[in-house]
Amino acid sequence: MQTDRVSDMENVSQGMGWLQSNALNVVYVVVIAIAAYWLASLVKRLVIGLGKSHEALDETLFHFLGSIARYAVLAFAGLIVLDRFGIETTSLIAILGAAGLAVGLALQGTLSSLAAGIMLILFRPFKVGDFVDAAGTFGKVDSITLFTTDMITFDNQHIIIPNSEIWGSKITNHSHHSIRGVDMVASVAYGSDIKKVKASIAKVLKANEHVLSEPAPFVEVETLNASSVDLLVRPFTEGAHYFDVKYSLPQAIYEQFRKDGIEIPFQQIVVHSAI
């Protein structure tokens, strides 16, 4: 019993001795911790504030960069504290570097999407609300994050695409220009009066409220097929009405051809019998 009491007193004495000899270091650590926490928060706010100060800069990216800056300041402060207590930080940095490399290799797909997300946010090939064709998906961009892009398709499916798949493939932004040309083909039979055909198509284009007069619609013979004369019809419209024009004009042209007595071709097979 007496031995245990002596041992406890020795431990307390040793603890008090360590505290006395390292009192300055403890105060130093407390001061460094408080200063590092304040500085890290300040740096994060400054980075986020930079992203908010210009409309051309994306807040999502700067929130991410602000977090990285904050942790970088805290990590640097931690190394200073360890060095103050005589702990060798060079070996620790080497170990952390090796661990970081291993984690990076394990998460290379995720990091690839992160890098692609940063590129998408910086270069802005499209924005939220645009209609795009990317990574084999055509739809409206619902959101853009650092790792994925969410799209809503025309049949109301929610598609989540890793940014690495989008950045590494062709991107077609159908909303980039405010005015769009709408290409379609109108086929008529051989022997049709092409002037009459163009006049018939012009009636339909003029009657459609979404077709613009400037730029003027383009209507010309494009291909002479085996059983038809194909005309390229390209009216121009505002991007918001692109699909209204694309899917309403073919029926209107067909009905106008019937009214004007223009023959619509169909595939024919002529059989010659030998006598």
Protein backbone atom coordinates (compact mmCIF):
# COMPACT_ATOMS: atom_id res chain seq x y z
CA MET A 1 0.00 0.00 0.00
CA GLN A 2 2.80 2.31 0.98
CA THR A 3 4.65 1.38 -2.19
CA ASP A 4 1.65 2.28 -4.39
CA ARG A 5 1.33 5.63 -2.65
CA VAL A 6 5.00 6.39 -3.22
CA SER A 7 4.66 5.37 -6.88
CA ASP A 8 1.66 7.69 -7.38
CA MET A 9 3.54 10.57 -5.77
CA GLU A 10 6.49 9.93 -8.05
CA ASN A 11 4.20 9.97 -11.11
CA VAL A 12 2.60 13.23 -10.00
CA SER A 13 6.03 14.68 -9.31
CA GLN A 14 7.24 13.64 -12.75
CA GLY A 15 4.12 15.10 -14.36
CA MET A 16 4.56 18.39 -12.54
CA GLY A 17 8.21 18.43 -13.51
CA TRP A 18 7.36 17.86 -17.19
CA LEU A 19 4.71 20.57 -17.02
CA GLN A 20 7.12 23.03 -15.43
CA SER A 21 9.85 22.31 -17.96
CA ASN A 22 7.42 22.51 -20.90
CA ALA A 23 5.15 25.27 -19.61
CA LEU A 24 6.45 27.65 -22.26
CA ASN A 25 5.85 25.04 -24.97
CA VAL A 26 2.28 24.42 -23.78
CA VAL A 27 1.53 28.15 -23.90
CA TYR A 28 3.20 28.28 -27.30
CA VAL A 29 1.00 25.43 -28.59
CA VAL A 30 -2.19 27.06 -27.28
CA VAL A 31 -1.27 30.37 -28.92
CA ILE A 32 -0.35 28.66 -32.21
CA ALA A 33 -3.59 26.64 -32.19
CA ILE A 34 -5.76 29.72 -31.60
CA ALA A 35 -3.86 31.77 -34.20
CA ALA A 36 -3.94 28.93 -36.74
CA TYR A 37 -7.69 28.37 -36.30
CA TRP A 38 -8.37 32.10 -36.72
CA LEU A 39 -6.04 32.42 -39.72
CA ALA A 40 -7.46 29.28 -41.38
CA SER A 41 -11.02 30.60 -41.06
CA LEU A 42 -9.92 33.99 -42.39
CA VAL A 43 -8.19 32.46 -45.42
CA LYS A 44 -11.26 30.34 -46.21
CA ARG A 45 -13.55 33.39 -46.01
CA LEU A 46 -11.22 35.39 -48.26
CA VAL A 47 -11.15 32.64 -50.91
CA ILE A 48 -14.94 32.21 -50.83
CA GLY A 49 -15.37 35.99 -50.92
CA LEU A 50 -13.20 36.12 -54.04
CA GLY A 51 -15.55 33.65 -55.75
CA LYS A 52 -18.59 35.73 -54.78
CA SER A 53 -17.07 39.02 -55.91
CA HIS A 54 -17.22 38.18 -59.63
CA GLU A 55 -20.17 36.65 -61.44
CA ALA A 56 -17.85 34.88 -63.86
CA LEU A 57 -16.35 32.84 -60.99
CA ASP A 58 -18.13 29.76 -59.69
CA GLU A 59 -18.91 29.69 -55.94
CA THR A 60 -18.81 25.87 -55.77
CA LEU A 61 -15.19 25.79 -56.88
CA PHE A 62 -14.15 28.54 -54.48
CA HIS A 63 -15.88 26.85 -51.53
CA PHE A 64 -13.79 23.79 -52.34
CA LEU A 65 -10.58 25.83 -52.72
CA GLY A 66 -11.38 27.67 -49.49
CA SER A 67 -11.64 24.36 -47.61
CA ILE A 68 -8.32 23.21 -49.05
CA ALA A 69 -6.67 26.49 -48.01
CA ARG A 70 -8.11 26.15 -44.49
CA TYR A 71 -6.79 22.62 -44.00
CA ALA A 72 -3.42 23.61 -45.47
CA VAL A 73 -3.03 26.35 -42.83
CA LEU A 74 -4.03 23.94 -40.03
CA ALA A 75 -1.62 21.27 -41.32
CA PHE A 76 1.22 23.80 -41.45
CA ALA A 77 0.44 24.86 -37.87
CA GLY A 78 0.46 21.21 -36.78
CA LEU A 79 3.94 20.74 -38.22
CA ILE A 80 5.17 23.82 -36.32
CA VAL A 81 3.76 22.41 -33.06
CA LEU A 82 5.40 19.02 -33.59
CA ASP A 83 8.73 20.65 -34.39
CA ARG A 84 8.45 22.70 -31.18
CA PHE A 85 8.32 19.49 -29.13
CA GLY A 86 11.35 18.09 -30.93
CA ILE A 87 9.48 15.60 -33.09
CA GLU A 88 11.16 14.98 -36.43
CA THR A 89 8.72 16.26 -39.05
CA THR A 90 10.75 15.28 -42.12
CA SER A 91 9.99 11.59 -41.67
CA LEU A 92 6.38 12.37 -40.88
CA ILE A 93 6.01 14.37 -44.10
CA ALA A 94 7.54 11.50 -46.07
CA ILE A 95 5.08 9.04 -44.50
CA LEU A 96 2.14 11.34 -45.18
CA GLY A 97 3.35 11.78 -48.76
CA ALA A 98 3.51 8.03 -49.30
CA ALA A 99 0.08 7.60 -47.73
CA GLY A 100 -1.28 10.38 -49.93
CA LEU A 101 0.14 8.67 -53.01
CA ALA A 102 -1.49 5.37 -52.03
CA VAL A 103 -4.84 7.06 -51.42
CA GLY A 104 -4.49 8.93 -54.72
CA LEU A 105 -3.91 5.69 -56.63
CA ALA A 106 -6.88 4.05 -54.90
CA LEU A 107 -9.14 7.00 -55.70
CA GLN A 108 -7.77 7.87 -59.12
CA GLY A 109 -11.24 7.59 -60.73
CA THR A 110 -12.71 9.97 -58.15
CA LEU A 111 -9.77 12.36 -58.45
CA SER A 112 -10.12 12.27 -62.23
CA SER A 113 -13.76 13.34 -61.88
CA LEU A 114 -12.70 16.06 -59.45
CA ALA A 115 -10.11 17.42 -61.89
CA ALA A 116 -12.68 17.27 -64.70
CA GLY A 117 -15.22 19.07 -62.50
CA ILE A 118 -12.76 21.88 -61.85
CA MET A 119 -12.12 22.18 -65.60
CA LEU A 120 -15.86 22.26 -66.35
CA ILE A 121 -16.43 24.98 -63.74
CA LEU A 122 -13.43 27.04 -64.92
CA PHE A 123 -14.00 26.85 -68.69
CA ARG A 124 -17.83 26.64 -68.57
CA PRO A 125 -18.63 24.72 -71.78
CA PHE A 126 -22.19 24.70 -70.44
CA LYS A 127 -24.17 26.00 -67.47
CA VAL A 128 -27.19 24.95 -65.46
CA GLY A 129 -30.32 25.12 -67.64
CA ASP A 130 -28.51 24.43 -70.94
CA PHE A 131 -29.53 21.59 -73.24
CA VAL A 132 -26.43 19.56 -73.96
CA ASP A 133 -25.38 16.31 -75.57
CA ALA A 134 -22.49 14.88 -73.55
CA ALA A 135 -21.20 11.41 -72.63
CA GLY A 136 -23.94 9.84 -74.74
CA THR A 137 -26.74 11.65 -72.88
CA PHE A 138 -28.94 14.42 -74.25
CA GLY A 139 -30.88 16.53 -71.79
CA LYS A 140 -31.10 19.63 -69.64
CA VAL A 141 -28.31 20.33 -67.15
CA ASP A 142 -29.82 20.30 -63.65
CA SER A 143 -26.70 20.83 -61.56
CA ILE A 144 -22.90 20.82 -61.80
CA THR A 145 -20.81 19.67 -58.83
CA LEU A 146 -17.10 19.03 -58.49
CA PHE A 147 -17.57 15.29 -59.09
CA THR A 148 -20.74 14.84 -61.16
CA THR A 149 -23.15 16.59 -63.53
CA ASP A 150 -26.87 15.95 -63.14
CA MET A 151 -29.05 15.98 -66.27
CA ILE A 152 -32.80 15.67 -66.84
CA THR A 153 -33.71 13.88 -70.07
CA PHE A 154 -36.80 14.56 -72.18
CA ASP A 155 -38.55 11.48 -70.80
CA ASN A 156 -37.94 12.91 -67.29
CA GLN A 157 -35.10 10.66 -66.20
CA HIS A 158 -32.53 11.97 -63.73
CA ILE A 159 -29.08 11.02 -65.04
CA ILE A 160 -25.94 11.48 -62.90
CA ILE A 161 -22.74 11.48 -64.98
CA PRO A 162 -19.16 11.49 -63.60
CA ASN A 163 -17.42 14.64 -64.79
CA SER A 164 -14.47 12.61 -66.13
CA GLU A 165 -16.77 11.02 -68.74
CA ILE A 166 -18.05 14.42 -69.87
CA TRP A 167 -14.71 16.24 -70.04
CA GLY A 168 -13.12 13.37 -71.94
CA SER A 169 -15.75 13.31 -74.71
CA LYS A 170 -17.37 15.63 -77.25
CA ILE A 171 -19.78 18.18 -75.76
CA THR A 172 -22.55 19.70 -77.87
CA ASN A 173 -24.18 22.69 -76.19
CA HIS A 174 -27.50 23.30 -77.94
CA SER A 175 -28.17 26.40 -75.82
CA HIS A 176 -24.91 28.24 -76.44
CA HIS A 177 -26.35 30.49 -79.17
CA SER A 178 -29.66 32.27 -78.72
CA ILE A 179 -30.69 31.62 -82.34
CA ARG A 180 -30.66 28.11 -83.78
CA GLY A 181 -31.04 26.66 -87.24
CA VAL A 182 -33.44 23.72 -87.43
CA ASP A 183 -32.51 21.23 -90.17
CA MET A 184 -35.12 18.95 -91.70
CA VAL A 185 -35.69 17.25 -95.04
CA ALA A 186 -38.77 17.55 -97.25
CA SER A 187 -39.05 14.93 -100.00
CA VAL A 188 -41.15 15.25 -103.16
CA ALA A 189 -41.65 13.02 -106.17
CA TYR A 190 -39.71 13.38 -109.40
CA GLY A 191 -41.59 15.60 -111.81
CA SER A 192 -42.71 18.03 -109.08
CA ASP A 193 -42.42 21.74 -109.79
CA ILE A 194 -39.60 22.76 -107.44
CA LYS A 195 -40.67 26.43 -107.47
CA LYS A 196 -44.15 25.37 -106.38
CA VAL A 197 -42.65 23.10 -103.71
CA LYS A 198 -40.52 25.96 -102.31
CA ALA A 199 -43.56 28.27 -102.32
CA SER A 200 -45.56 25.66 -100.42
CA ILE A 201 -42.83 25.29 -97.79
CA ALA A 202 -42.52 29.10 -97.55
CA LYS A 203 -46.24 29.31 -96.65
CA VAL A 204 -45.69 26.93 -93.75
CA LEU A 205 -42.60 28.75 -92.49
CA LYS A 206 -44.28 32.13 -92.68
CA ALA A 207 -47.33 30.87 -90.78
CA ASN A 208 -45.25 29.54 -87.88
CA GLU A 209 -44.90 32.24 -85.22
CA HIS A 210 -41.58 30.86 -83.93
CA VAL A 211 -39.77 30.92 -87.29
CA LEU A 212 -37.64 34.06 -87.67
CA SER A 213 -37.56 36.17 -90.81
CA GLU A 214 -33.94 37.13 -90.07
CA PRO A 215 -31.85 35.11 -90.67
CA ALA A 216 -33.97 34.07 -93.62
CA PRO A 217 -34.95 30.38 -93.88
CA PHE A 218 -32.88 28.25 -96.23
CA VAL A 219 -34.73 25.93 -98.65
CA GLU A 220 -32.81 24.23 -101.48
CA VAL A 221 -32.57 20.87 -103.22
CA GLU A 222 -30.02 18.78 -101.35
CA THR A 223 -30.14 15.22 -102.72
CA LEU A 224 -31.52 13.37 -105.73
CA ASN A 225 -32.48 10.01 -104.28
CA ALA A 226 -33.65 6.92 -106.13
CA SER A 227 -37.34 7.74 -105.74
CA SER A 228 -37.43 11.30 -104.42
CA VAL A 229 -36.04 14.80 -104.64
CA ASP A 230 -34.93 15.84 -101.14
CA LEU A 231 -34.93 19.49 -100.10
CA LEU A 232 -33.03 20.77 -97.10
CA VAL A 233 -35.30 23.03 -95.04
CA ARG A 234 -33.51 25.14 -92.44
CA PRO A 235 -35.62 27.76 -90.64
CA PHE A 236 -34.09 29.77 -87.77
CA THR A 237 -35.68 30.19 -84.38
CA GLU A 238 -34.85 31.21 -80.82
CA GLY A 239 -33.27 28.43 -78.80
CA ALA A 240 -36.24 28.19 -76.46
CA HIS A 241 -38.51 27.23 -79.39
CA TYR A 242 -36.11 24.86 -81.13
CA PHE A 243 -38.03 21.68 -80.38
CA ASP A 244 -41.42 23.28 -81.04
CA VAL A 245 -40.26 24.14 -84.55
CA LYS A 246 -38.44 20.84 -85.13
CA TYR A 247 -41.43 18.65 -84.32
CA SER A 248 -44.30 20.81 -85.61
CA LEU A 249 -43.06 21.78 -89.08
CA PRO A 250 -42.83 18.32 -90.71
CA GLN A 251 -46.54 17.67 -90.19
CA ALA A 252 -47.43 21.20 -91.32
CA ILE A 253 -45.34 20.78 -94.51
CA TYR A 254 -46.97 17.41 -95.20
CA GLU A 255 -50.47 18.88 -94.85
CA GLN A 256 -49.56 21.87 -97.04
CA PHE A 257 -48.19 19.55 -99.76
CA ARG A 258 -51.52 17.71 -99.82
CA LYS A 259 -53.45 20.98 -100.11
CA ASP A 260 -51.25 22.18 -102.99
CA GLY A 261 -51.39 18.86 -104.80
CA ILE A 262 -47.67 18.13 -104.43
CA GLU A 263 -46.92 14.43 -104.67
CA ILE A 264 -45.12 12.91 -101.72
CA PRO A 265 -42.89 10.03 -102.87
CA PHE A 266 -42.90 6.46 -101.66
CA GLN A 267 -40.64 3.60 -102.52
CA GLN A 268 -41.70 1.78 -105.68
CA ILE A 269 -40.56 -1.51 -107.15
CA VAL A 270 -40.98 -1.95 -110.90
CA VAL A 271 -41.06 -5.56 -112.11
CA HIS A 272 -40.40 -6.29 -115.79
CA SER A 273 -41.55 -9.72 -116.95
CA ALA A 274 -39.83 -11.47 -119.80
CA ILE A 275 -42.12 -12.82 -122.54
